[in-house]
N, C-alpha and C. Protein backbone atom coordinates (compact mmCIF):
# COMPACT_ATOMS: atom_id res chain seq x y z
N MET A 1 0.84 -1.19 0.00
CA MET A 1 0.00 0.00 0.00
C MET A 1 0.88 1.25 0.00
N LEU A 2 0.52 2.18 -0.85
CA LEU A 2 1.22 3.47 -0.90
C LEU A 2 0.28 4.55 -0.41
N LEU A 3 0.72 5.29 0.59
CA LEU A 3 -0.12 6.32 1.21
C LEU A 3 0.47 7.69 0.92
N SER A 4 -0.36 8.61 0.41
CA SER A 4 0.11 9.96 0.14
C SER A 4 -0.94 10.98 0.57
N LEU A 5 -0.48 12.19 0.84
CA LEU A 5 -1.37 13.26 1.29
C LEU A 5 -1.89 14.04 0.09
N GLN A 6 -3.21 14.23 0.03
CA GLN A 6 -3.82 15.00 -1.05
C GLN A 6 -4.15 16.43 -0.62
N SER A 7 -4.71 16.57 0.59
CA SER A 7 -5.05 17.91 1.06
C SER A 7 -5.27 17.91 2.56
N ILE A 8 -5.16 19.09 3.15
CA ILE A 8 -5.45 19.27 4.57
C ILE A 8 -6.18 20.60 4.73
N SER A 9 -7.14 20.62 5.64
CA SER A 9 -7.92 21.82 5.89
C SER A 9 -8.19 21.95 7.38
N LEU A 10 -7.77 23.06 7.97
CA LEU A 10 -8.03 23.36 9.37
C LEU A 10 -9.02 24.51 9.45
N ASP A 11 -10.03 24.37 10.30
CA ASP A 11 -11.05 25.39 10.46
C ASP A 11 -10.74 26.27 11.67
N THR A 12 -11.62 27.23 11.95
CA THR A 12 -11.51 28.08 13.12
C THR A 12 -11.41 27.21 14.37
N PRO A 13 -10.49 27.46 15.28
CA PRO A 13 -9.63 28.64 15.41
C PRO A 13 -8.23 28.47 14.82
N PHE A 14 -8.02 27.45 13.99
CA PHE A 14 -6.68 27.17 13.47
C PHE A 14 -6.56 27.48 11.98
N LYS A 15 -7.44 28.34 11.48
CA LYS A 15 -7.40 28.74 10.07
C LYS A 15 -6.34 29.82 9.92
N GLN A 16 -5.07 29.40 10.05
CA GLN A 16 -3.95 30.33 10.10
C GLN A 16 -2.92 29.97 9.05
N THR A 17 -1.98 30.88 8.84
CA THR A 17 -0.88 30.65 7.92
C THR A 17 0.38 30.34 8.73
N GLY A 18 1.08 29.28 8.33
CA GLY A 18 2.29 28.88 9.05
C GLY A 18 2.68 27.47 8.70
N GLU A 19 3.67 26.97 9.43
CA GLU A 19 4.18 25.61 9.23
C GLU A 19 3.43 24.63 10.13
N CYS A 20 2.91 23.58 9.54
CA CYS A 20 2.15 22.56 10.28
C CYS A 20 2.91 21.25 10.21
N LEU A 21 2.98 20.54 11.33
CA LEU A 21 3.57 19.21 11.34
C LEU A 21 2.45 18.17 11.41
N MET A 22 2.56 17.14 10.58
CA MET A 22 1.57 16.08 10.55
C MET A 22 2.23 14.73 10.79
N LEU A 23 1.77 14.04 11.81
CA LEU A 23 2.27 12.70 12.13
C LEU A 23 1.27 11.68 11.62
N THR A 24 1.72 10.79 10.74
CA THR A 24 0.87 9.72 10.19
C THR A 24 1.38 8.39 10.72
N GLU A 25 0.45 7.56 11.22
CA GLU A 25 0.83 6.27 11.77
C GLU A 25 -0.03 5.16 11.18
N LEU A 26 0.62 4.11 10.72
CA LEU A 26 -0.09 2.88 10.35
C LEU A 26 -0.07 1.99 11.58
N ILE A 27 -1.24 1.63 12.09
CA ILE A 27 -1.35 0.83 13.30
C ILE A 27 -1.55 -0.64 12.92
N LEU A 28 -0.63 -1.50 13.33
CA LEU A 28 -0.66 -2.94 13.03
C LEU A 28 -0.90 -3.23 11.55
N PRO A 29 -0.03 -2.72 10.68
CA PRO A 29 -0.26 -2.97 9.24
C PRO A 29 -0.14 -4.44 8.86
N ARG A 30 0.65 -5.20 9.61
CA ARG A 30 0.76 -6.65 9.36
C ARG A 30 1.35 -7.31 10.59
N PRO A 31 1.23 -8.64 10.68
CA PRO A 31 1.76 -9.34 11.85
C PRO A 31 3.25 -9.05 12.07
N GLY A 32 3.59 -8.77 13.32
CA GLY A 32 4.98 -8.50 13.68
C GLY A 32 5.38 -7.04 13.54
N ILE A 33 4.54 -6.22 12.92
CA ILE A 33 4.83 -4.80 12.78
C ILE A 33 3.75 -4.03 13.52
N ALA A 34 4.10 -3.44 14.67
CA ALA A 34 3.11 -2.74 15.49
C ALA A 34 2.73 -1.40 14.89
N LYS A 35 3.71 -0.71 14.29
CA LYS A 35 3.43 0.65 13.83
C LYS A 35 4.49 1.10 12.83
N LYS A 36 4.05 1.86 11.84
CA LYS A 36 4.95 2.57 10.93
C LYS A 36 4.55 4.04 10.96
N SER A 37 5.52 4.93 11.01
CA SER A 37 5.22 6.35 11.21
C SER A 37 5.96 7.24 10.22
N ALA A 38 5.34 8.38 9.92
CA ALA A 38 5.99 9.40 9.09
C ALA A 38 5.60 10.77 9.62
N LEU A 39 6.57 11.66 9.74
CA LEU A 39 6.32 13.03 10.20
C LEU A 39 6.63 13.97 9.04
N LYS A 40 5.63 14.77 8.63
CA LYS A 40 5.79 15.65 7.48
C LYS A 40 5.54 17.09 7.88
N ASP A 41 6.34 18.00 7.35
CA ASP A 41 6.13 19.42 7.58
C ASP A 41 5.45 20.02 6.35
N LEU A 42 4.45 20.88 6.58
CA LEU A 42 3.64 21.46 5.52
C LEU A 42 3.47 22.94 5.74
N ARG A 43 3.50 23.70 4.69
CA ARG A 43 3.20 25.14 4.75
C ARG A 43 1.71 25.31 4.45
N LEU A 44 0.94 25.82 5.42
CA LEU A 44 -0.48 26.05 5.25
C LEU A 44 -0.75 27.54 5.03
N THR A 45 -1.71 27.85 4.18
CA THR A 45 -2.16 29.22 3.96
C THR A 45 -3.61 29.31 4.38
N LYS A 46 -3.87 30.10 5.43
CA LYS A 46 -5.20 30.20 6.01
C LYS A 46 -5.78 28.82 6.31
N GLY A 47 -4.93 27.95 6.86
CA GLY A 47 -5.36 26.63 7.31
C GLY A 47 -5.53 25.60 6.23
N LYS A 48 -5.14 25.89 5.00
CA LYS A 48 -5.38 24.94 3.91
C LYS A 48 -4.13 24.66 3.10
N ARG A 49 -4.11 23.47 2.49
CA ARG A 49 -3.04 23.11 1.56
C ARG A 49 -3.53 21.95 0.69
N SER A 50 -3.38 22.10 -0.60
CA SER A 50 -3.70 21.01 -1.53
C SER A 50 -2.41 20.53 -2.17
N LEU A 51 -2.23 19.21 -2.19
CA LEU A 51 -1.05 18.62 -2.82
C LEU A 51 -1.44 17.74 -4.00
N ALA A 52 -2.66 17.91 -4.50
CA ALA A 52 -3.16 17.07 -5.58
C ALA A 52 -2.25 17.11 -6.80
N ARG A 53 -1.67 18.30 -7.08
CA ARG A 53 -0.80 18.44 -8.25
C ARG A 53 0.67 18.51 -7.87
N ALA A 54 0.97 18.29 -6.61
CA ALA A 54 2.37 18.35 -6.16
C ALA A 54 3.12 17.11 -6.64
N PRO A 55 4.44 17.22 -6.78
CA PRO A 55 5.22 16.04 -7.17
C PRO A 55 5.17 14.96 -6.09
N PHE A 56 5.42 13.74 -6.51
CA PHE A 56 5.32 12.58 -5.62
C PHE A 56 6.13 12.75 -4.34
N TYR A 57 7.37 13.27 -4.46
CA TYR A 57 8.24 13.35 -3.28
C TYR A 57 7.71 14.32 -2.23
N GLU A 58 6.83 15.24 -2.61
CA GLU A 58 6.28 16.19 -1.64
C GLU A 58 5.09 15.62 -0.87
N LYS A 59 4.32 14.72 -1.50
CA LYS A 59 3.09 14.25 -0.86
C LYS A 59 3.16 12.81 -0.36
N ALA A 60 4.20 12.06 -0.74
CA ALA A 60 4.30 10.66 -0.31
C ALA A 60 4.52 10.57 1.19
N LEU A 61 3.85 9.60 1.83
CA LEU A 61 3.95 9.41 3.28
C LEU A 61 4.59 8.07 3.63
N LEU A 62 3.91 6.98 3.29
CA LEU A 62 4.37 5.65 3.69
C LEU A 62 4.12 4.64 2.57
N LYS A 63 5.02 3.68 2.44
CA LYS A 63 4.82 2.55 1.54
C LYS A 63 5.05 1.29 2.36
N GLU A 64 4.01 0.50 2.53
CA GLU A 64 4.08 -0.64 3.45
C GLU A 64 3.12 -1.74 3.03
N LYS A 65 3.55 -2.97 3.18
CA LYS A 65 2.66 -4.11 2.96
C LYS A 65 1.66 -4.17 4.11
N VAL A 66 0.39 -4.41 3.81
CA VAL A 66 -0.64 -4.50 4.84
C VAL A 66 -1.39 -5.83 4.71
N ASP A 67 -1.76 -6.39 5.85
CA ASP A 67 -2.51 -7.64 5.89
C ASP A 67 -3.66 -7.51 6.86
N GLY A 68 -4.87 -7.84 6.41
CA GLY A 68 -6.01 -7.84 7.31
C GLY A 68 -6.36 -6.45 7.83
N LEU A 69 -6.99 -6.43 9.02
CA LEU A 69 -7.44 -5.18 9.61
C LEU A 69 -6.27 -4.36 10.14
N PHE A 70 -6.26 -3.05 9.83
CA PHE A 70 -5.24 -2.15 10.34
C PHE A 70 -5.86 -0.75 10.44
N GLY A 71 -5.14 0.16 11.05
CA GLY A 71 -5.65 1.51 11.23
C GLY A 71 -4.68 2.56 10.73
N ILE A 72 -5.24 3.71 10.37
CA ILE A 72 -4.44 4.89 10.04
C ILE A 72 -4.83 5.98 11.03
N ARG A 73 -3.84 6.53 11.72
CA ARG A 73 -4.09 7.62 12.66
C ARG A 73 -3.20 8.81 12.28
N VAL A 74 -3.80 10.00 12.29
CA VAL A 74 -3.04 11.22 11.96
C VAL A 74 -3.19 12.22 13.09
N SER A 75 -2.14 12.98 13.35
CA SER A 75 -2.14 14.05 14.35
C SER A 75 -1.49 15.27 13.72
N VAL A 76 -2.02 16.46 14.03
CA VAL A 76 -1.48 17.69 13.44
C VAL A 76 -1.25 18.75 14.51
N THR A 77 -0.28 19.61 14.25
CA THR A 77 -0.08 20.80 15.08
C THR A 77 -0.89 21.93 14.48
N ARG A 78 -1.11 22.98 15.24
CA ARG A 78 -1.65 24.19 14.64
C ARG A 78 -0.55 24.79 13.77
N PRO A 79 -0.89 25.64 12.79
CA PRO A 79 0.17 26.29 12.01
C PRO A 79 1.10 27.08 12.92
N LEU A 80 2.39 26.83 12.81
CA LEU A 80 3.38 27.43 13.70
C LEU A 80 4.22 28.47 12.98
N LYS A 81 4.60 29.51 13.70
CA LYS A 81 5.57 30.48 13.19
C LYS A 81 6.95 29.85 13.29
N HIS A 82 7.92 30.39 12.58
CA HIS A 82 9.25 29.79 12.53
C HIS A 82 9.89 29.60 13.90
N PRO A 83 9.85 30.57 14.82
CA PRO A 83 10.46 30.34 16.14
C PRO A 83 9.81 29.17 16.89
N GLU A 84 8.47 29.05 16.77
CA GLU A 84 7.77 27.95 17.44
C GLU A 84 8.16 26.62 16.83
N LEU A 85 8.24 26.59 15.49
CA LEU A 85 8.61 25.36 14.80
C LEU A 85 10.03 24.95 15.17
N ASN A 86 10.94 25.93 15.22
CA ASN A 86 12.32 25.63 15.60
C ASN A 86 12.40 25.04 17.00
N GLN A 87 11.61 25.60 17.93
CA GLN A 87 11.60 25.10 19.29
C GLN A 87 11.06 23.67 19.34
N PHE A 88 10.04 23.41 18.55
CA PHE A 88 9.44 22.07 18.52
C PHE A 88 10.45 21.06 17.97
N ILE A 89 11.16 21.44 16.92
CA ILE A 89 12.16 20.54 16.35
C ILE A 89 13.28 20.27 17.36
N LYS A 90 13.67 21.28 18.11
CA LYS A 90 14.68 21.07 19.17
C LYS A 90 14.18 20.07 20.19
N GLN A 91 12.89 20.14 20.54
CA GLN A 91 12.32 19.19 21.50
C GLN A 91 12.37 17.77 20.94
N LEU A 92 12.10 17.64 19.64
CA LEU A 92 12.15 16.32 19.02
C LEU A 92 13.56 15.74 19.07
N LEU A 93 14.51 16.58 18.66
CA LEU A 93 15.89 16.10 18.61
C LEU A 93 16.46 15.87 20.00
N ALA A 94 15.91 16.54 21.02
CA ALA A 94 16.39 16.37 22.39
C ALA A 94 16.03 15.00 22.96
N THR A 95 15.20 14.24 22.26
CA THR A 95 14.87 12.90 22.75
C THR A 95 16.09 11.99 22.69
N GLY A 96 17.08 12.37 21.85
CA GLY A 96 18.33 11.61 21.82
C GLY A 96 18.26 10.36 20.99
N ILE A 97 17.23 10.17 20.19
CA ILE A 97 17.13 8.98 19.36
C ILE A 97 17.78 9.27 18.02
N GLN A 98 18.87 8.57 17.70
CA GLN A 98 19.56 8.81 16.45
C GLN A 98 18.67 8.42 15.28
N GLY A 99 18.78 9.17 14.21
CA GLY A 99 17.97 8.90 13.03
C GLY A 99 16.61 9.56 13.09
N GLY A 100 16.25 10.14 14.23
CA GLY A 100 14.94 10.76 14.36
C GLY A 100 14.74 11.96 13.46
N ALA A 101 15.81 12.65 13.13
CA ALA A 101 15.69 13.83 12.26
C ALA A 101 15.16 13.46 10.89
N ASP A 102 15.31 12.20 10.48
CA ASP A 102 14.80 11.77 9.18
C ASP A 102 13.30 11.95 9.07
N LEU A 103 12.61 11.88 10.20
CA LEU A 103 11.16 12.03 10.17
C LEU A 103 10.74 13.43 9.75
N LEU A 104 11.63 14.40 9.90
CA LEU A 104 11.26 15.78 9.64
C LEU A 104 11.33 16.17 8.17
N SER A 105 11.88 15.34 7.33
CA SER A 105 11.98 15.68 5.92
C SER A 105 10.70 15.29 5.19
N ALA A 106 10.42 15.99 4.10
CA ALA A 106 9.20 15.71 3.35
C ALA A 106 9.21 14.29 2.80
N LEU A 107 10.36 13.81 2.34
CA LEU A 107 10.48 12.42 1.89
C LEU A 107 11.95 12.05 1.90
N ILE A 108 12.28 10.96 2.57
CA ILE A 108 13.65 10.47 2.59
C ILE A 108 13.70 9.17 1.79
N ILE A 109 14.53 9.16 0.74
CA ILE A 109 14.72 7.93 -0.02
C ILE A 109 16.11 7.43 0.31
N ARG A 110 16.18 6.24 0.90
CA ARG A 110 17.47 5.69 1.33
C ARG A 110 17.68 4.33 0.69
N TYR A 111 18.90 4.04 0.31
CA TYR A 111 19.27 2.73 -0.20
C TYR A 111 20.45 2.26 0.64
N SER A 112 20.16 1.61 1.74
CA SER A 112 21.21 1.26 2.68
C SER A 112 20.80 0.04 3.48
N PRO A 113 21.75 -0.80 3.88
CA PRO A 113 21.43 -1.94 4.75
C PRO A 113 20.93 -1.49 6.12
N LEU A 114 21.13 -0.18 6.45
CA LEU A 114 20.70 0.33 7.75
C LEU A 114 19.25 0.81 7.75
N ASP A 115 18.53 0.64 6.63
CA ASP A 115 17.16 1.13 6.53
C ASP A 115 16.30 0.70 7.69
N ASP A 116 16.32 -0.60 8.02
CA ASP A 116 15.45 -1.12 9.09
C ASP A 116 15.77 -0.48 10.43
N VAL A 117 17.08 -0.29 10.70
CA VAL A 117 17.49 0.32 11.96
C VAL A 117 17.01 1.76 12.03
N LEU A 118 17.17 2.51 10.94
CA LEU A 118 16.75 3.90 10.91
C LEU A 118 15.24 4.03 11.01
N GLU A 119 14.51 3.12 10.35
CA GLU A 119 13.05 3.16 10.43
C GLU A 119 12.58 2.89 11.86
N GLU A 120 13.24 1.95 12.54
CA GLU A 120 12.87 1.66 13.92
C GLU A 120 13.13 2.87 14.82
N ALA A 121 14.27 3.55 14.61
CA ALA A 121 14.56 4.75 15.38
C ALA A 121 13.51 5.82 15.14
N GLY A 122 13.07 5.95 13.88
CA GLY A 122 12.04 6.92 13.55
C GLY A 122 10.73 6.61 14.23
N ASP A 123 10.37 5.33 14.27
CA ASP A 123 9.12 4.93 14.94
C ASP A 123 9.19 5.21 16.44
N LEU A 124 10.34 4.98 17.05
CA LEU A 124 10.50 5.27 18.48
C LEU A 124 10.34 6.76 18.75
N LEU A 125 10.90 7.58 17.86
CA LEU A 125 10.77 9.03 18.02
C LEU A 125 9.31 9.45 17.88
N ALA A 126 8.62 8.88 16.89
CA ALA A 126 7.20 9.22 16.69
C ALA A 126 6.38 8.86 17.92
N ASP A 127 6.69 7.72 18.55
CA ASP A 127 6.00 7.33 19.79
C ASP A 127 6.23 8.38 20.86
N LYS A 128 7.49 8.82 20.98
CA LYS A 128 7.85 9.82 21.99
C LYS A 128 7.10 11.12 21.75
N VAL A 129 7.06 11.55 20.49
CA VAL A 129 6.38 12.79 20.13
C VAL A 129 4.90 12.70 20.46
N ALA A 130 4.26 11.61 20.03
CA ALA A 130 2.82 11.47 20.21
C ALA A 130 2.43 11.41 21.68
N SER A 131 3.30 10.83 22.51
CA SER A 131 2.94 10.63 23.92
C SER A 131 3.28 11.82 24.80
N THR A 132 4.23 12.67 24.39
CA THR A 132 4.67 13.73 25.28
C THR A 132 4.35 15.14 24.80
N SER A 133 4.02 15.32 23.54
CA SER A 133 3.84 16.67 23.02
C SER A 133 2.39 17.11 23.08
N SER A 134 2.18 18.31 23.63
CA SER A 134 0.85 18.90 23.65
C SER A 134 0.65 19.77 22.43
N MET A 135 1.64 19.83 21.55
CA MET A 135 1.54 20.68 20.37
C MET A 135 0.68 20.06 19.28
N PHE A 136 0.42 18.75 19.35
CA PHE A 136 -0.49 18.13 18.40
C PHE A 136 -1.90 18.43 18.89
N ILE A 137 -2.55 19.37 18.24
CA ILE A 137 -3.83 19.89 18.73
C ILE A 137 -5.03 19.06 18.29
N ALA A 138 -4.88 18.30 17.22
CA ALA A 138 -6.02 17.54 16.71
C ALA A 138 -5.55 16.22 16.12
N SER A 139 -6.44 15.24 16.12
CA SER A 139 -6.11 13.95 15.55
C SER A 139 -7.37 13.28 15.02
N GLY A 140 -7.16 12.23 14.25
CA GLY A 140 -8.27 11.46 13.71
C GLY A 140 -7.75 10.14 13.19
N GLY A 141 -8.66 9.24 12.87
CA GLY A 141 -8.23 7.95 12.39
C GLY A 141 -9.32 7.22 11.65
N ILE A 142 -8.91 6.11 11.03
CA ILE A 142 -9.84 5.29 10.27
C ILE A 142 -9.35 3.85 10.30
N ASP A 143 -10.28 2.90 10.29
CA ASP A 143 -9.96 1.48 10.21
C ASP A 143 -10.13 1.02 8.77
N LEU A 144 -9.18 0.23 8.29
CA LEU A 144 -9.24 -0.32 6.93
C LEU A 144 -8.91 -1.80 6.96
N ASP A 145 -9.27 -2.50 5.91
CA ASP A 145 -9.00 -3.93 5.79
C ASP A 145 -8.16 -4.17 4.55
N GLY A 146 -6.97 -4.70 4.74
CA GLY A 146 -6.06 -4.94 3.63
C GLY A 146 -6.60 -5.88 2.59
N GLU A 147 -7.50 -6.80 3.00
CA GLU A 147 -8.03 -7.78 2.07
C GLU A 147 -9.03 -7.16 1.10
N SER A 148 -9.72 -6.10 1.53
CA SER A 148 -10.73 -5.48 0.67
C SER A 148 -10.38 -4.05 0.31
N LEU A 149 -9.10 -3.70 0.45
CA LEU A 149 -8.64 -2.34 0.21
C LEU A 149 -8.75 -1.98 -1.27
N THR A 150 -9.36 -0.85 -1.55
CA THR A 150 -9.47 -0.38 -2.93
C THR A 150 -8.76 0.97 -3.03
N PRO A 151 -8.11 1.24 -4.17
CA PRO A 151 -7.40 2.51 -4.32
C PRO A 151 -8.36 3.68 -4.40
N GLY A 152 -7.90 4.83 -3.91
CA GLY A 152 -8.71 6.03 -3.97
C GLY A 152 -8.54 6.90 -2.75
N PRO A 153 -9.25 8.03 -2.73
CA PRO A 153 -9.12 8.97 -1.61
C PRO A 153 -9.85 8.51 -0.36
N VAL A 154 -9.29 8.83 0.80
CA VAL A 154 -9.89 8.55 2.10
C VAL A 154 -9.87 9.85 2.90
N THR A 155 -11.02 10.27 3.40
CA THR A 155 -11.10 11.49 4.20
C THR A 155 -11.10 11.15 5.68
N ILE A 156 -10.24 11.81 6.44
CA ILE A 156 -10.16 11.59 7.89
C ILE A 156 -10.49 12.89 8.61
N PRO A 157 -11.60 12.93 9.37
CA PRO A 157 -11.92 14.13 10.15
C PRO A 157 -10.90 14.33 11.26
N LEU A 158 -10.61 15.59 11.59
CA LEU A 158 -9.69 15.93 12.66
C LEU A 158 -10.47 16.53 13.82
N ASN A 159 -10.27 15.99 15.02
CA ASN A 159 -10.98 16.45 16.21
C ASN A 159 -9.98 16.92 17.27
N LEU A 160 -10.40 17.93 18.06
CA LEU A 160 -9.53 18.48 19.10
C LEU A 160 -9.13 17.42 20.12
N ASN A 161 -7.87 17.45 20.52
CA ASN A 161 -7.36 16.51 21.53
C ASN A 161 -7.65 16.97 22.95
N ALA A 162 -7.91 18.27 23.14
CA ALA A 162 -8.17 18.81 24.47
C ALA A 162 -9.05 20.05 24.34
N THR A 163 -9.77 20.36 25.41
CA THR A 163 -10.61 21.56 25.43
C THR A 163 -9.72 22.81 25.48
N LEU A 164 -10.05 23.79 24.63
CA LEU A 164 -9.26 25.01 24.55
C LEU A 164 -10.16 26.24 24.70
N ARG A 165 -9.62 27.28 25.33
CA ARG A 165 -10.30 28.56 25.39
C ARG A 165 -9.38 29.57 24.70
N LEU A 166 -9.83 30.10 23.55
CA LEU A 166 -8.98 30.96 22.75
C LEU A 166 -9.70 32.25 22.40
N SER A 167 -8.89 33.30 22.16
CA SER A 167 -9.43 34.60 21.78
C SER A 167 -8.69 35.11 20.55
N ASP A 168 -9.38 35.89 19.73
CA ASP A 168 -8.76 36.49 18.54
C ASP A 168 -8.08 37.82 18.85
N VAL A 169 -8.24 38.30 20.08
CA VAL A 169 -7.66 39.60 20.46
C VAL A 169 -6.15 39.44 20.60
N PRO A 170 -5.35 40.35 19.99
CA PRO A 170 -3.89 40.26 20.08
C PRO A 170 -3.39 40.31 21.53
N VAL A 171 -2.24 39.70 21.73
CA VAL A 171 -1.63 39.68 23.06
C VAL A 171 -1.15 41.08 23.44
N GLY A 172 -1.33 41.45 24.72
CA GLY A 172 -0.87 42.74 25.22
C GLY A 172 -1.56 43.06 26.53
N PRO A 173 -0.89 43.81 27.43
CA PRO A 173 -1.46 44.08 28.75
C PRO A 173 -2.78 44.84 28.70
N LYS A 174 -2.95 45.77 27.73
CA LYS A 174 -4.18 46.55 27.65
C LYS A 174 -5.35 45.71 27.15
N ALA A 175 -5.03 44.62 26.43
CA ALA A 175 -6.09 43.81 25.83
C ALA A 175 -6.47 42.61 26.69
N ARG A 176 -5.86 42.50 27.90
CA ARG A 176 -6.08 41.31 28.72
C ARG A 176 -7.55 41.08 29.06
N GLU A 177 -8.23 42.12 29.54
CA GLU A 177 -9.64 41.98 29.91
C GLU A 177 -10.51 41.71 28.70
N LYS A 178 -10.18 42.36 27.59
CA LYS A 178 -10.95 42.16 26.37
C LYS A 178 -10.81 40.72 25.88
N ARG A 179 -9.58 40.17 26.02
CA ARG A 179 -9.36 38.78 25.61
C ARG A 179 -10.19 37.83 26.44
N LYS A 180 -10.27 38.09 27.74
CA LYS A 180 -11.04 37.22 28.63
C LYS A 180 -12.51 37.19 28.25
N THR A 181 -13.07 38.36 27.95
CA THR A 181 -14.51 38.42 27.65
C THR A 181 -14.84 37.90 26.26
N SER A 182 -13.86 37.98 25.34
CA SER A 182 -14.14 37.54 23.97
C SER A 182 -13.68 36.11 23.70
N ALA A 183 -13.08 35.45 24.70
CA ALA A 183 -12.57 34.09 24.50
C ALA A 183 -13.70 33.11 24.22
N LYS A 184 -13.45 32.20 23.29
CA LYS A 184 -14.43 31.17 22.95
C LYS A 184 -13.91 29.82 23.43
N LEU A 185 -14.85 28.96 23.82
CA LEU A 185 -14.51 27.63 24.31
C LEU A 185 -14.67 26.62 23.18
N TYR A 186 -13.61 25.86 22.93
CA TYR A 186 -13.64 24.80 21.93
C TYR A 186 -13.46 23.48 22.68
N LYS A 187 -14.50 22.67 22.67
CA LYS A 187 -14.50 21.45 23.48
C LYS A 187 -13.69 20.31 22.85
N LYS A 188 -13.11 19.51 23.72
CA LYS A 188 -12.40 18.32 23.28
C LYS A 188 -13.32 17.47 22.43
N GLY A 189 -12.81 16.99 21.30
CA GLY A 189 -13.61 16.18 20.39
C GLY A 189 -14.31 16.96 19.30
N SER A 190 -14.26 18.30 19.40
CA SER A 190 -14.90 19.13 18.37
C SER A 190 -14.17 18.98 17.04
N ALA A 191 -14.93 18.99 15.95
CA ALA A 191 -14.34 18.91 14.62
C ALA A 191 -13.64 20.23 14.29
N VAL A 192 -12.37 20.15 13.88
CA VAL A 192 -11.61 21.37 13.55
C VAL A 192 -10.96 21.26 12.16
N GLY A 193 -11.37 20.28 11.37
CA GLY A 193 -10.80 20.15 10.04
C GLY A 193 -10.83 18.73 9.54
N SER A 194 -10.11 18.51 8.45
CA SER A 194 -10.04 17.17 7.86
C SER A 194 -8.84 17.11 6.94
N LEU A 195 -8.45 15.90 6.60
CA LEU A 195 -7.43 15.74 5.57
C LEU A 195 -7.81 14.58 4.67
N VAL A 196 -7.32 14.64 3.46
CA VAL A 196 -7.60 13.61 2.46
C VAL A 196 -6.31 12.88 2.12
N LEU A 197 -6.31 11.57 2.29
CA LEU A 197 -5.18 10.73 1.92
C LEU A 197 -5.55 9.93 0.68
N ASP A 198 -4.55 9.68 -0.16
CA ASP A 198 -4.77 8.82 -1.31
C ASP A 198 -4.15 7.46 -1.01
N VAL A 199 -4.98 6.41 -1.11
CA VAL A 199 -4.52 5.05 -0.83
C VAL A 199 -4.30 4.34 -2.15
N GLY A 200 -3.08 3.92 -2.38
CA GLY A 200 -2.77 3.16 -3.58
C GLY A 200 -2.43 1.72 -3.22
N VAL A 201 -2.86 0.77 -4.04
CA VAL A 201 -2.59 -0.66 -3.75
C VAL A 201 -1.84 -1.28 -4.92
């Protein structure tokens, strides 16, 4: 199975311009393989990005043999400004897992006997990121069956991972009270967007 990203759309309050990180995980794709992961960085404009016409190396996520029932889970950050993204990348690399930086590239093509070792290091880093980072604001998933898998697009809704109270008022001491009164509550589980993956067999 070849998995690629076709589009992503984030709604209010994350309809922003910036760099977004997306973690894609194949859950139990086949016996003996618990998880395969890919971390991709994307530039979003007002919360949206289409890769339908992008070259293969920009939208490709994972290529993996699948057997029977398995799952696809995705997690995304809000669009980040460069200083925030740099700080997040430092946190990833601070985990100390060698080879983890490979997850940050749009697509890594390697021809080496060390592929399996590097892929395992990447999966360990993805586990660390998913379990410790609060920067992944939304996630979603879908169950698929390898025996009846048909090629084509799959839409995955994205829901908030935690309840948030946010305001559109700019940060500043004079605006503090105004921010409090204008803040909106976004409940955990609320729909905040979706993404479309293309499944090839």
